[in-house]
Amino acid sequence: MLARMYPFIRMFYQAWKVRNAPKLGLFEPHHSRHICMPWDIDLWLELNNGRTLTIFDLGRVPMSIRNGTAKAAKDGGYGMAVAGASVRYRRRVTTFQTVDMVTSPIGFDDKFLYIEQSMWDQKGECCNHILLRGAVIKKRKMVPPKELLERLEPGIESPPLPEWVQNWIDADNTRPWPPVR
């Protein structure tokens, strides 16, 4: 039962590992290593697609510790929430397989932060990749990400978003909300 829960122990371990790591700039990548555990697999004996999303959390939280956004959020009363994601699954990750994860903030606009993450096998092949947008929350409402990031770098501007990211944003803006029932 405990193994099926959110991996709090793994999260605390990842956070503990980076406690003395060098600080990252806001748009620098964080690298981490993870192992696919038996409770992470599905009926096909590979990393479950939903658990993949959870393991990506294990890269984003330590990154936010290293680049200072976790402390700035805590000190300013902000929260973070995933507000959308696009995932590509390309290679199997099996039990006890080690993957290297790269977590990279891409930029932000007036509504969201954009982050990409990827998992790589020991042969150097990409197993999966996610583009996600994160919402910054204060007093239970979304606020512009710049409000939080200014606490770290006054006057900060986003790097230009890559064309493929902007294409995803534009395509998602055509999606009806709320969806039809």
N, C-alpha and C. Protein backbone atom coordinates (compact mmCIF):
# COMPACT_ATOMS: atom_id res chain seq x y z
N MET A 1 0.82 -1.19 0.00
CA MET A 1 0.00 0.00 0.00
C MET A 1 0.87 1.26 0.00
N LEU A 2 1.84 1.31 0.89
CA LEU A 2 2.70 2.49 1.00
C LEU A 2 3.44 2.76 -0.30
N ALA A 3 3.86 1.69 -1.00
CA ALA A 3 4.62 1.86 -2.24
C ALA A 3 3.77 2.50 -3.34
N ARG A 4 2.47 2.34 -3.31
CA ARG A 4 1.61 2.88 -4.36
C ARG A 4 1.29 4.36 -4.15
N MET A 5 1.59 4.88 -2.99
CA MET A 5 1.33 6.28 -2.71
C MET A 5 2.28 7.18 -3.51
N TYR A 6 2.04 8.46 -3.43
CA TYR A 6 2.97 9.42 -4.01
C TYR A 6 4.35 9.15 -3.39
N PRO A 7 5.41 9.23 -4.17
CA PRO A 7 6.74 8.85 -3.65
C PRO A 7 7.39 9.93 -2.78
N PHE A 8 6.78 10.19 -1.62
CA PHE A 8 7.30 11.23 -0.73
C PHE A 8 8.74 10.95 -0.30
N ILE A 9 9.06 9.70 -0.01
CA ILE A 9 10.42 9.38 0.43
C ILE A 9 11.42 9.69 -0.68
N ARG A 10 11.08 9.32 -1.91
CA ARG A 10 11.96 9.62 -3.04
C ARG A 10 12.08 11.13 -3.24
N MET A 11 10.98 11.86 -3.04
CA MET A 11 11.02 13.31 -3.19
C MET A 11 11.92 13.93 -2.13
N PHE A 12 11.77 13.50 -0.88
CA PHE A 12 12.63 14.03 0.18
C PHE A 12 14.09 13.70 -0.10
N TYR A 13 14.34 12.50 -0.61
CA TYR A 13 15.70 12.11 -0.94
C TYR A 13 16.28 13.01 -2.03
N GLN A 14 15.50 13.26 -3.09
CA GLN A 14 15.98 14.14 -4.17
C GLN A 14 16.24 15.55 -3.64
N ALA A 15 15.36 16.04 -2.77
CA ALA A 15 15.55 17.38 -2.19
C ALA A 15 16.79 17.40 -1.29
N TRP A 16 16.98 16.35 -0.52
CA TRP A 16 18.14 16.25 0.36
C TRP A 16 19.43 16.22 -0.45
N LYS A 17 19.42 15.50 -1.57
CA LYS A 17 20.62 15.38 -2.41
C LYS A 17 21.09 16.74 -2.93
N VAL A 18 20.18 17.66 -3.19
CA VAL A 18 20.58 18.94 -3.79
C VAL A 18 20.79 20.05 -2.76
N ARG A 19 20.68 19.72 -1.49
CA ARG A 19 20.75 20.77 -0.47
C ARG A 19 22.05 21.56 -0.52
N ASN A 20 23.15 20.95 -0.93
CA ASN A 20 24.44 21.65 -1.03
C ASN A 20 24.93 21.77 -2.47
N ALA A 21 24.07 21.46 -3.43
CA ALA A 21 24.46 21.54 -4.84
C ALA A 21 24.60 23.01 -5.24
N PRO A 22 25.41 23.28 -6.25
CA PRO A 22 25.55 24.67 -6.70
C PRO A 22 24.21 25.24 -7.15
N LYS A 23 24.03 26.53 -6.89
CA LYS A 23 22.81 27.22 -7.30
C LYS A 23 22.74 27.25 -8.82
N LEU A 24 21.54 27.13 -9.34
CA LEU A 24 21.30 27.23 -10.78
C LEU A 24 20.71 28.59 -11.11
N GLY A 25 20.99 29.09 -12.29
CA GLY A 25 20.28 30.24 -12.81
C GLY A 25 18.86 29.82 -13.15
N LEU A 26 17.98 30.77 -13.29
CA LEU A 26 16.57 30.45 -13.51
C LEU A 26 16.32 29.58 -14.75
N PHE A 27 17.15 29.69 -15.76
CA PHE A 27 16.91 28.95 -16.99
C PHE A 27 17.98 27.90 -17.27
N GLU A 28 18.70 27.50 -16.23
CA GLU A 28 19.71 26.45 -16.37
C GLU A 28 19.08 25.08 -16.07
N PRO A 29 19.55 24.03 -16.74
CA PRO A 29 18.98 22.70 -16.52
C PRO A 29 19.46 22.05 -15.23
N HIS A 30 18.59 21.24 -14.67
CA HIS A 30 18.92 20.41 -13.51
C HIS A 30 19.00 18.97 -14.01
N HIS A 31 20.05 18.26 -13.61
CA HIS A 31 20.24 16.86 -13.99
C HIS A 31 20.04 15.98 -12.77
N SER A 32 19.32 14.89 -12.95
CA SER A 32 19.10 13.96 -11.84
C SER A 32 19.03 12.54 -12.39
N ARG A 33 19.19 11.58 -11.51
CA ARG A 33 19.16 10.17 -11.89
C ARG A 33 18.07 9.47 -11.07
N HIS A 34 17.34 8.58 -11.74
CA HIS A 34 16.22 7.90 -11.10
C HIS A 34 16.20 6.43 -11.50
N ILE A 35 15.61 5.61 -10.64
CA ILE A 35 15.49 4.17 -10.91
C ILE A 35 14.02 3.81 -10.97
N CYS A 36 13.65 3.06 -11.98
CA CYS A 36 12.28 2.55 -12.10
C CYS A 36 12.10 1.41 -11.11
N MET A 37 11.28 1.61 -10.12
CA MET A 37 11.07 0.61 -9.07
C MET A 37 9.92 -0.33 -9.44
N PRO A 38 9.82 -1.48 -8.80
CA PRO A 38 8.75 -2.43 -9.14
C PRO A 38 7.35 -1.82 -9.01
N TRP A 39 7.15 -0.91 -8.09
CA TRP A 39 5.82 -0.30 -7.92
C TRP A 39 5.55 0.81 -8.94
N ASP A 40 6.52 1.08 -9.82
CA ASP A 40 6.34 2.07 -10.88
C ASP A 40 5.86 1.45 -12.19
N ILE A 41 5.82 0.13 -12.26
CA ILE A 41 5.53 -0.51 -13.54
C ILE A 41 4.04 -0.82 -13.71
N ASP A 42 3.69 -1.11 -14.96
CA ASP A 42 2.31 -1.46 -15.30
C ASP A 42 2.22 -2.94 -15.67
N LEU A 43 1.11 -3.34 -16.24
CA LEU A 43 0.92 -4.74 -16.61
C LEU A 43 1.89 -5.22 -17.68
N TRP A 44 2.49 -4.31 -18.43
CA TRP A 44 3.43 -4.66 -19.49
C TRP A 44 4.87 -4.62 -19.00
N LEU A 45 5.01 -4.53 -17.67
CA LEU A 45 6.31 -4.55 -17.00
C LEU A 45 7.23 -3.41 -17.43
N GLU A 46 6.62 -2.26 -17.64
CA GLU A 46 7.39 -1.06 -17.95
C GLU A 46 6.84 0.11 -17.14
N LEU A 47 7.59 1.20 -17.12
CA LEU A 47 7.18 2.38 -16.37
C LEU A 47 5.78 2.82 -16.80
N ASN A 48 4.89 2.89 -15.85
CA ASN A 48 3.50 3.29 -16.09
C ASN A 48 3.46 4.74 -16.56
N ASN A 49 2.60 5.02 -17.54
CA ASN A 49 2.55 6.38 -18.10
C ASN A 49 2.19 7.42 -17.03
N GLY A 50 1.29 7.10 -16.13
CA GLY A 50 0.95 8.05 -15.07
C GLY A 50 2.08 8.23 -14.08
N ARG A 51 2.78 7.14 -13.78
CA ARG A 51 3.90 7.22 -12.85
C ARG A 51 5.05 8.02 -13.46
N THR A 52 5.15 8.00 -14.79
CA THR A 52 6.16 8.81 -15.46
C THR A 52 5.96 10.28 -15.09
N LEU A 53 4.71 10.73 -15.09
CA LEU A 53 4.43 12.12 -14.72
C LEU A 53 4.86 12.41 -13.28
N THR A 54 4.63 11.44 -12.40
CA THR A 54 5.02 11.61 -11.00
C THR A 54 6.54 11.66 -10.87
N ILE A 55 7.23 10.81 -11.61
CA ILE A 55 8.70 10.82 -11.53
C ILE A 55 9.25 12.13 -12.08
N PHE A 56 8.58 12.72 -13.07
CA PHE A 56 9.02 14.03 -13.53
C PHE A 56 8.95 15.06 -12.39
N ASP A 57 8.00 14.90 -11.45
CA ASP A 57 7.97 15.78 -10.27
C ASP A 57 9.31 15.71 -9.53
N LEU A 58 9.92 14.52 -9.52
CA LEU A 58 11.17 14.32 -8.79
C LEU A 58 12.33 15.09 -9.41
N GLY A 59 12.13 15.62 -10.59
CA GLY A 59 13.13 16.50 -11.20
C GLY A 59 12.80 17.96 -11.02
N ARG A 60 11.51 18.29 -11.08
CA ARG A 60 11.12 19.71 -10.99
C ARG A 60 11.32 20.29 -9.60
N VAL A 61 10.98 19.55 -8.57
CA VAL A 61 11.09 20.11 -7.22
C VAL A 61 12.54 20.40 -6.85
N PRO A 62 13.48 19.45 -7.06
CA PRO A 62 14.88 19.79 -6.76
C PRO A 62 15.41 20.93 -7.63
N MET A 63 14.96 21.01 -8.88
CA MET A 63 15.37 22.13 -9.73
C MET A 63 14.93 23.45 -9.09
N SER A 64 13.69 23.47 -8.59
CA SER A 64 13.18 24.72 -7.99
C SER A 64 13.91 25.07 -6.70
N ILE A 65 14.43 24.06 -6.02
CA ILE A 65 15.26 24.32 -4.84
C ILE A 65 16.58 24.96 -5.28
N ARG A 66 17.18 24.38 -6.31
CA ARG A 66 18.49 24.86 -6.77
C ARG A 66 18.42 26.24 -7.42
N ASN A 67 17.33 26.55 -8.13
CA ASN A 67 17.29 27.86 -8.79
C ASN A 67 16.62 28.94 -7.93
N GLY A 68 16.18 28.57 -6.74
CA GLY A 68 15.66 29.55 -5.79
C GLY A 68 14.16 29.78 -5.85
N THR A 69 13.46 29.21 -6.84
CA THR A 69 12.03 29.48 -6.94
C THR A 69 11.25 28.85 -5.80
N ALA A 70 11.72 27.73 -5.26
CA ALA A 70 11.00 27.10 -4.13
C ALA A 70 11.00 28.03 -2.92
N LYS A 71 12.16 28.59 -2.59
CA LYS A 71 12.24 29.50 -1.43
C LYS A 71 11.47 30.79 -1.69
N ALA A 72 11.61 31.34 -2.89
CA ALA A 72 10.88 32.58 -3.22
C ALA A 72 9.38 32.35 -3.14
N ALA A 73 8.92 31.18 -3.59
CA ALA A 73 7.49 30.87 -3.52
C ALA A 73 7.04 30.76 -2.07
N LYS A 74 7.81 30.04 -1.28
CA LYS A 74 7.46 29.87 0.14
C LYS A 74 7.44 31.22 0.86
N ASP A 75 8.50 31.99 0.67
CA ASP A 75 8.59 33.29 1.35
C ASP A 75 7.50 34.26 0.92
N GLY A 76 7.06 34.18 -0.34
CA GLY A 76 6.05 35.11 -0.86
C GLY A 76 4.63 34.59 -0.79
N GLY A 77 4.44 33.38 -0.26
CA GLY A 77 3.09 32.82 -0.16
C GLY A 77 2.54 32.33 -1.50
N TYR A 78 3.42 31.91 -2.39
CA TYR A 78 3.00 31.40 -3.69
C TYR A 78 2.97 29.88 -3.70
N GLY A 79 2.20 29.35 -4.61
CA GLY A 79 2.19 27.92 -4.87
C GLY A 79 2.38 27.71 -6.36
N MET A 80 2.55 26.46 -6.73
CA MET A 80 2.73 26.10 -8.14
C MET A 80 1.79 24.95 -8.46
N ALA A 81 1.28 24.94 -9.68
CA ALA A 81 0.41 23.86 -10.13
C ALA A 81 0.69 23.59 -11.60
N VAL A 82 0.71 22.31 -11.96
CA VAL A 82 0.82 21.97 -13.39
C VAL A 82 -0.52 22.32 -14.02
N ALA A 83 -0.46 23.09 -15.11
CA ALA A 83 -1.68 23.57 -15.77
C ALA A 83 -1.87 22.98 -17.16
N GLY A 84 -0.96 22.13 -17.58
CA GLY A 84 -1.08 21.48 -18.87
C GLY A 84 0.22 20.77 -19.21
N ALA A 85 0.12 19.74 -20.03
CA ALA A 85 1.32 18.99 -20.40
C ALA A 85 1.12 18.27 -21.72
N SER A 86 2.20 18.08 -22.42
CA SER A 86 2.24 17.27 -23.63
C SER A 86 3.41 16.31 -23.47
N VAL A 87 3.13 15.01 -23.54
CA VAL A 87 4.16 14.01 -23.28
C VAL A 87 4.36 13.13 -24.50
N ARG A 88 5.60 12.79 -24.76
CA ARG A 88 5.94 11.81 -25.78
C ARG A 88 6.63 10.65 -25.07
N TYR A 89 6.10 9.44 -25.27
CA TYR A 89 6.70 8.22 -24.75
C TYR A 89 7.32 7.50 -25.95
N ARG A 90 8.64 7.24 -25.91
CA ARG A 90 9.29 6.68 -27.08
C ARG A 90 10.06 5.38 -26.83
N ARG A 91 10.57 5.17 -25.62
CA ARG A 91 11.33 3.96 -25.31
C ARG A 91 10.85 3.40 -23.98
N ARG A 92 10.85 2.09 -23.90
CA ARG A 92 10.43 1.42 -22.66
C ARG A 92 11.44 1.71 -21.55
N VAL A 93 10.91 1.90 -20.34
CA VAL A 93 11.72 1.96 -19.13
C VAL A 93 11.22 0.81 -18.28
N THR A 94 12.11 -0.12 -17.96
CA THR A 94 11.70 -1.34 -17.26
C THR A 94 12.20 -1.34 -15.81
N THR A 95 11.74 -2.30 -15.05
CA THR A 95 12.06 -2.40 -13.63
C THR A 95 13.57 -2.36 -13.39
N PHE A 96 13.96 -1.53 -12.45
CA PHE A 96 15.33 -1.32 -12.00
C PHE A 96 16.22 -0.63 -13.05
N GLN A 97 15.62 -0.18 -14.14
CA GLN A 97 16.39 0.58 -15.12
C GLN A 97 16.66 1.97 -14.57
N THR A 98 17.86 2.45 -14.79
CA THR A 98 18.24 3.79 -14.38
C THR A 98 18.05 4.75 -15.56
N VAL A 99 17.47 5.90 -15.28
CA VAL A 99 17.32 6.94 -16.29
C VAL A 99 17.92 8.23 -15.77
N ASP A 100 18.49 8.98 -16.68
CA ASP A 100 18.98 10.32 -16.37
C ASP A 100 17.93 11.30 -16.84
N MET A 101 17.57 12.23 -15.96
CA MET A 101 16.54 13.21 -16.28
C MET A 101 17.18 14.59 -16.42
N VAL A 102 16.70 15.32 -17.40
CA VAL A 102 17.10 16.72 -17.58
C VAL A 102 15.83 17.56 -17.45
N THR A 103 15.87 18.52 -16.55
CA THR A 103 14.73 19.42 -16.30
C THR A 103 15.19 20.84 -16.61
N SER A 104 14.53 21.46 -17.60
CA SER A 104 14.96 22.78 -18.06
C SER A 104 13.80 23.76 -18.15
N PRO A 105 13.83 24.83 -17.37
CA PRO A 105 12.86 25.90 -17.59
C PRO A 105 13.12 26.53 -18.96
N ILE A 106 12.05 26.80 -19.70
CA ILE A 106 12.20 27.35 -21.05
C ILE A 106 11.94 28.85 -21.05
N GLY A 107 10.93 29.28 -20.32
CA GLY A 107 10.56 30.69 -20.30
C GLY A 107 9.18 30.84 -19.70
N PHE A 108 8.60 32.02 -19.89
CA PHE A 108 7.27 32.29 -19.33
C PHE A 108 6.56 33.32 -20.18
N ASP A 109 5.25 33.36 -20.01
CA ASP A 109 4.45 34.42 -20.62
C ASP A 109 3.61 35.05 -19.53
N ASP A 110 2.55 35.75 -19.87
CA ASP A 110 1.76 36.44 -18.85
C ASP A 110 0.94 35.49 -17.98
N LYS A 111 0.80 34.22 -18.39
CA LYS A 111 -0.02 33.27 -17.62
C LYS A 111 0.77 32.12 -17.02
N PHE A 112 1.78 31.60 -17.74
CA PHE A 112 2.40 30.34 -17.34
C PHE A 112 3.92 30.36 -17.44
N LEU A 113 4.52 29.45 -16.67
CA LEU A 113 5.93 29.08 -16.82
C LEU A 113 5.96 27.86 -17.73
N TYR A 114 6.99 27.71 -18.55
CA TYR A 114 7.12 26.55 -19.44
C TYR A 114 8.41 25.81 -19.10
N ILE A 115 8.29 24.51 -18.92
CA ILE A 115 9.41 23.65 -18.52
C ILE A 115 9.40 22.42 -19.42
N GLU A 116 10.59 21.99 -19.82
CA GLU A 116 10.68 20.72 -20.53
C GLU A 116 11.53 19.77 -19.71
N GLN A 117 11.17 18.50 -19.79
CA GLN A 117 11.91 17.46 -19.09
C GLN A 117 12.04 16.25 -20.00
N SER A 118 13.14 15.54 -19.83
CA SER A 118 13.34 14.33 -20.61
C SER A 118 14.03 13.28 -19.75
N MET A 119 13.77 12.02 -20.08
CA MET A 119 14.45 10.89 -19.43
C MET A 119 15.26 10.17 -20.49
N TRP A 120 16.50 9.84 -20.15
CA TRP A 120 17.46 9.24 -21.08
C TRP A 120 17.97 7.92 -20.52
N ASP A 121 18.04 6.89 -21.38
CA ASP A 121 18.57 5.60 -20.92
C ASP A 121 20.10 5.64 -20.92
N GLN A 122 20.70 4.54 -20.48
CA GLN A 122 22.16 4.50 -20.35
C GLN A 122 22.87 4.44 -21.70
N LYS A 123 22.13 4.19 -22.79
CA LYS A 123 22.72 4.23 -24.13
C LYS A 123 22.67 5.64 -24.70
N GLY A 124 22.07 6.57 -23.95
CA GLY A 124 21.96 7.95 -24.42
C GLY A 124 20.76 8.21 -25.29
N GLU A 125 19.78 7.31 -25.28
CA GLU A 125 18.57 7.49 -26.08
C GLU A 125 17.45 8.06 -25.21
N CYS A 126 16.69 8.98 -25.79
CA CYS A 126 15.60 9.60 -25.05
C CYS A 126 14.43 8.62 -24.93
N CYS A 127 13.99 8.39 -23.71
CA CYS A 127 12.86 7.48 -23.45
C CYS A 127 11.54 8.22 -23.51
N ASN A 128 11.49 9.41 -22.95
CA ASN A 128 10.28 10.21 -22.99
C ASN A 128 10.62 11.68 -22.75
N HIS A 129 9.67 12.53 -23.11
CA HIS A 129 9.89 13.98 -23.05
C HIS A 129 8.55 14.63 -22.73
N ILE A 130 8.59 15.64 -21.89
CA ILE A 130 7.38 16.36 -21.53
C ILE A 130 7.61 17.86 -21.66
N LEU A 131 6.62 18.53 -22.18
CA LEU A 131 6.55 19.98 -22.15
C LEU A 131 5.38 20.29 -21.24
N LEU A 132 5.63 21.09 -20.23
CA LEU A 132 4.51 21.43 -19.35
C LEU A 132 4.48 22.91 -19.07
N ARG A 133 3.30 23.33 -18.72
CA ARG A 133 3.15 24.71 -18.27
C ARG A 133 2.72 24.66 -16.82
N GLY A 134 3.30 25.57 -16.06
CA GLY A 134 2.99 25.65 -14.64
C GLY A 134 2.35 26.98 -14.33
N ALA A 135 1.36 26.93 -13.48
CA ALA A 135 0.70 28.15 -13.03
C ALA A 135 1.27 28.55 -11.68
N VAL A 136 1.44 29.84 -11.49
CA VAL A 136 1.83 30.37 -10.20
C VAL A 136 0.55 30.80 -9.50
N ILE A 137 0.39 30.36 -8.26
CA ILE A 137 -0.84 30.57 -7.50
C ILE A 137 -0.53 31.41 -6.25
N LYS A 138 -1.41 32.35 -5.97
CA LYS A 138 -1.34 33.11 -4.71
C LYS A 138 -2.76 33.38 -4.26
N LYS A 139 -3.03 33.07 -3.03
CA LYS A 139 -4.38 33.23 -2.47
C LYS A 139 -5.42 32.54 -3.34
N ARG A 140 -5.09 31.34 -3.78
CA ARG A 140 -5.99 30.46 -4.55
C ARG A 140 -6.33 31.00 -5.94
N LYS A 141 -5.53 31.95 -6.44
CA LYS A 141 -5.77 32.49 -7.78
C LYS A 141 -4.45 32.51 -8.55
N MET A 142 -4.57 32.32 -9.87
CA MET A 142 -3.38 32.42 -10.72
C MET A 142 -2.90 33.85 -10.75
N VAL A 143 -1.58 34.00 -10.73
CA VAL A 143 -0.95 35.31 -10.89
C VAL A 143 0.10 35.20 -11.99
N PRO A 144 0.49 36.29 -12.61
CA PRO A 144 1.54 36.22 -13.64
C PRO A 144 2.83 35.65 -13.04
N PRO A 145 3.49 34.73 -13.74
CA PRO A 145 4.73 34.14 -13.23
C PRO A 145 5.80 35.19 -12.92
N LYS A 146 5.78 36.27 -13.67
CA LYS A 146 6.77 37.33 -13.45
C LYS A 146 6.71 37.86 -12.02
N GLU A 147 5.53 37.83 -11.42
CA GLU A 147 5.36 38.30 -10.04
C GLU A 147 6.25 37.51 -9.09
N LEU A 148 6.29 36.20 -9.27
CA LEU A 148 7.16 35.35 -8.45
C LEU A 148 8.62 35.51 -8.85
N LEU A 149 8.90 35.46 -10.13
CA LEU A 149 10.28 35.47 -10.61
C LEU A 149 11.00 36.79 -10.32
N GLU A 150 10.24 37.88 -10.23
CA GLU A 150 10.83 39.19 -9.88
C GLU A 150 11.43 39.16 -8.48
N ARG A 151 10.96 38.27 -7.63
CA ARG A 151 11.53 38.14 -6.29
C ARG A 151 12.97 37.63 -6.36
N LEU A 152 13.29 36.93 -7.45
CA LEU A 152 14.64 36.39 -7.63
C LEU A 152 15.51 37.30 -8.49
N GLU A 153 14.92 37.84 -9.54
CA GLU A 153 15.65 38.70 -10.47
C GLU A 153 14.76 39.87 -10.87
N PRO A 154 14.87 40.98 -10.15
CA PRO A 154 14.06 42.15 -10.51
C PRO A 154 14.27 42.53 -11.98
N GLY A 155 13.19 42.83 -12.66
CA GLY A 155 13.25 43.22 -14.07
C GLY A 155 13.41 42.04 -15.03
N ILE A 156 13.25 40.84 -14.53
CA ILE A 156 13.46 39.66 -15.38
C ILE A 156 12.51 39.65 -16.58
N GLU A 157 13.05 39.21 -17.70
CA GLU A 157 12.26 39.00 -18.91
C GLU A 157 12.47 37.56 -19.34
N SER A 158 11.47 36.99 -19.96
CA SER A 158 11.58 35.62 -20.45
C SER A 158 12.45 35.58 -21.70
N PRO A 159 13.26 34.53 -21.81
CA PRO A 159 13.89 34.32 -23.12
C PRO A 159 12.78 34.06 -24.14
N PRO A 160 13.04 34.29 -25.41
CA PRO A 160 12.00 33.98 -26.41
C PRO A 160 11.64 32.50 -26.34
N LEU A 161 10.36 32.21 -26.37
CA LEU A 161 9.93 30.81 -26.36
C LEU A 161 10.24 30.20 -27.72
N PRO A 162 10.78 28.97 -27.74
CA PRO A 162 11.04 28.31 -29.02
C PRO A 162 9.75 28.17 -29.84
N GLU A 163 9.90 28.11 -31.16
CA GLU A 163 8.74 28.02 -32.04
C GLU A 163 7.85 26.83 -31.71
N TRP A 164 8.44 25.67 -31.39
CA TRP A 164 7.63 24.48 -31.10
C TRP A 164 6.81 24.67 -29.82
N VAL A 165 7.34 25.42 -28.88
CA VAL A 165 6.58 25.71 -27.64
C VAL A 165 5.43 26.67 -27.96
N GLN A 166 5.73 27.71 -28.72
CA GLN A 166 4.68 28.66 -29.10
C GLN A 166 3.60 27.98 -29.93
N ASN A 167 3.99 27.06 -30.80
CA ASN A 167 3.00 26.31 -31.59
C ASN A 167 2.08 25.51 -30.69
N TRP A 168 2.63 24.90 -29.63
CA TRP A 168 1.81 24.15 -28.67
C TRP A 168 0.84 25.08 -27.94
N ILE A 169 1.33 26.23 -27.53
CA ILE A 169 0.48 27.22 -26.85
C ILE A 169 -0.65 27.64 -27.78
N ASP A 170 -0.31 27.98 -29.02
CA ASP A 170 -1.32 28.42 -29.99
C ASP A 170 -2.35 27.33 -30.25
N ALA A 171 -1.88 26.09 -30.45
CA ALA A 171 -2.80 24.98 -30.70
C ALA A 171 -3.70 24.74 -29.51
N ASP A 172 -3.15 24.80 -28.32
CA ASP A 172 -3.96 24.55 -27.13
C ASP A 172 -5.00 25.65 -26.92
N ASN A 173 -4.70 26.85 -27.37
CA ASN A 173 -5.67 27.95 -27.26
C ASN A 173 -6.90 27.74 -28.14
N THR A 174 -6.82 26.85 -29.13
CA THR A 174 -7.99 26.56 -29.97
C THR A 174 -8.87 25.47 -29.36
N ARG A 175 -8.38 24.82 -28.33
CA ARG A 175 -9.12 23.73 -27.68
C ARG A 175 -10.28 24.31 -26.86
N PRO A 176 -11.48 23.76 -27.04
CA PRO A 176 -12.61 24.32 -26.28
C PRO A 176 -12.48 24.07 -24.78
N TRP A 177 -12.90 25.08 -24.03
CA TRP A 177 -12.95 24.94 -22.57
C TRP A 177 -14.15 25.68 -22.07
N PRO A 178 -14.97 25.07 -21.25
CA PRO A 178 -14.86 23.67 -20.83
C PRO A 178 -15.18 22.72 -22.00
N PRO A 179 -14.71 21.47 -21.88
CA PRO A 179 -14.99 20.52 -22.96
C PRO A 179 -16.48 20.18 -23.02
N VAL A 180 -16.86 19.66 -24.17
CA VAL A 180 -18.25 19.25 -24.36
C VAL A 180 -18.49 17.95 -23.60
N ARG A 181 -19.64 17.85 -22.92
CA ARG A 181 -19.95 16.61 -22.20
C ARG A 181 -20.80 15.71 -23.04
